[in-house]
Amino acid sequence: MRVTEPALRQFRQILDTNDLSTSGIRVMLIPGCCSPKAQLSIEPHPQEGDVVVAIGDLDFYLEKHAAPLLDNIRINYANGSFYIEELFPDENL
């Protein structure tokens, strides 16, 4: 999983502004009509079984069963929104 600098800055701002500086970002997959959709939430701590990944100064909590699928995504922030983008093998930067 990759997280762009703009997304890291925005996550940090949200956490700091809401006095949640010790919380992390949970990334999970929810069923969709054609394929699973990634969802983000702010959580005070990982849930049992979550895989914890530190990126920058933030912790991301990945659902255990979803962690391998989330390895190939990039979280970006632009135009006031977070975007989850699928990476292709030649884009893993």
Protein backbone atom coordinates (compact mmCIF):
# COMPACT_ATOMS: atom_id res chain seq x y z
CA MET A 1 0.00 0.00 0.00
CA ARG A 2 1.21 3.48 -0.83
CA VAL A 3 0.00 6.81 0.58
CA THR A 4 0.85 10.08 -1.14
CA GLU A 5 2.27 13.04 0.78
CA PRO A 6 -0.93 15.11 0.28
CA ALA A 7 -2.98 12.25 1.77
CA LEU A 8 -0.60 11.85 4.73
CA ARG A 9 -0.79 15.60 5.44
CA GLN A 10 -4.59 15.59 5.28
CA PHE A 11 -4.91 12.52 7.52
CA ARG A 12 -2.56 14.17 10.05
CA GLN A 13 -4.52 17.43 9.93
CA ILE A 14 -7.83 15.61 10.51
CA LEU A 15 -6.42 13.63 13.42
CA ASP A 16 -4.73 16.64 15.04
CA THR A 17 -7.73 18.96 14.57
CA ASN A 18 -10.04 16.43 16.23
CA ASP A 19 -7.64 15.60 19.10
CA LEU A 20 -7.15 12.08 17.72
CA SER A 21 -3.39 12.25 17.25
CA THR A 22 -2.83 8.73 18.63
CA SER A 23 -5.48 7.14 16.40
CA GLY A 24 -4.83 5.37 13.12
CA ILE A 25 -6.52 4.92 9.77
CA ARG A 26 -8.30 1.59 9.27
CA VAL A 27 -8.50 0.35 5.70
CA MET A 28 -11.05 -2.36 5.01
CA LEU A 29 -12.81 -3.95 2.08
CA ILE A 30 -16.58 -4.03 1.83
CA PRO A 31 -18.53 -6.13 -0.68
CA GLY A 32 -19.54 -4.36 -3.86
CA CYS A 33 -21.70 -5.35 -6.80
CA CYS A 34 -18.76 -6.20 -9.04
CA SER A 35 -15.73 -6.12 -6.76
CA PRO A 36 -14.84 -5.15 -3.19
CA LYS A 37 -14.58 -1.46 -2.37
CA ALA A 38 -11.98 -0.03 0.01
CA GLN A 39 -13.26 2.03 2.92
CA LEU A 40 -11.36 4.25 5.36
CA SER A 41 -12.17 5.04 8.98
CA ILE A 42 -10.40 6.62 11.93
CA GLU A 43 -9.92 4.16 14.78
CA PRO A 44 -8.30 4.56 18.22
CA HIS A 45 -6.49 1.22 17.87
CA PRO A 46 -6.32 -1.77 15.50
CA GLN A 47 -8.94 -4.46 15.75
CA GLU A 48 -7.89 -7.99 16.59
CA GLY A 49 -6.10 -9.51 13.62
CA ASP A 50 -5.48 -6.21 11.80
CA VAL A 51 -2.11 -5.80 10.11
CA VAL A 52 -0.48 -2.55 11.28
CA VAL A 53 1.53 -0.66 8.67
CA ALA A 54 3.41 2.52 9.59
CA ILE A 55 3.65 5.05 6.77
CA GLY A 56 5.23 8.37 7.62
CA ASP A 57 4.15 9.15 11.18
CA LEU A 58 0.76 7.43 10.80
CA ASP A 59 -0.40 3.89 11.50
CA PHE A 60 -2.72 2.20 9.05
CA TYR A 61 -4.75 -0.78 10.25
CA LEU A 62 -5.45 -3.24 7.45
CA GLU A 63 -8.06 -5.95 7.82
CA LYS A 64 -6.16 -9.22 8.00
CA HIS A 65 -8.02 -10.87 5.11
CA ALA A 66 -7.80 -7.69 3.02
CA ALA A 67 -4.11 -6.89 3.59
CA PRO A 68 -2.82 -8.82 0.54
CA LEU A 69 -5.38 -7.11 -1.72
CA LEU A 70 -4.58 -3.68 -0.30
CA ASP A 71 -0.90 -4.07 -1.12
CA ASN A 72 -1.65 -2.87 -4.64
CA ILE A 73 -3.40 0.43 -3.85
CA ARG A 74 -2.39 4.04 -3.45
CA ILE A 75 -4.33 6.47 -1.26
CA ASN A 76 -4.22 10.01 -2.63
CA TYR A 77 -5.82 13.31 -1.63
CA ALA A 78 -6.80 15.94 -4.20
CA ASN A 79 -9.58 18.46 -4.72
CA GLY A 80 -10.91 17.97 -1.18
CA SER A 81 -11.31 14.17 -1.39
CA PHE A 82 -9.40 11.00 -0.68
CA TYR A 83 -8.99 8.67 -3.64
CA ILE A 84 -8.06 5.02 -3.57
CA GLU A 85 -6.32 4.08 -6.76
CA GLU A 86 -5.35 0.64 -7.96
CA LEU A 87 -1.71 0.36 -8.91
CA PHE A 88 -0.49 -1.68 -11.81
CA PRO A 89 2.84 -3.51 -11.58
CA ASP A 90 4.80 -0.78 -13.36
CA GLU A 91 3.31 2.01 -11.15
CA ASN A 92 4.45 0.82 -7.70
CA LEU A 93 6.20 4.08 -6.85
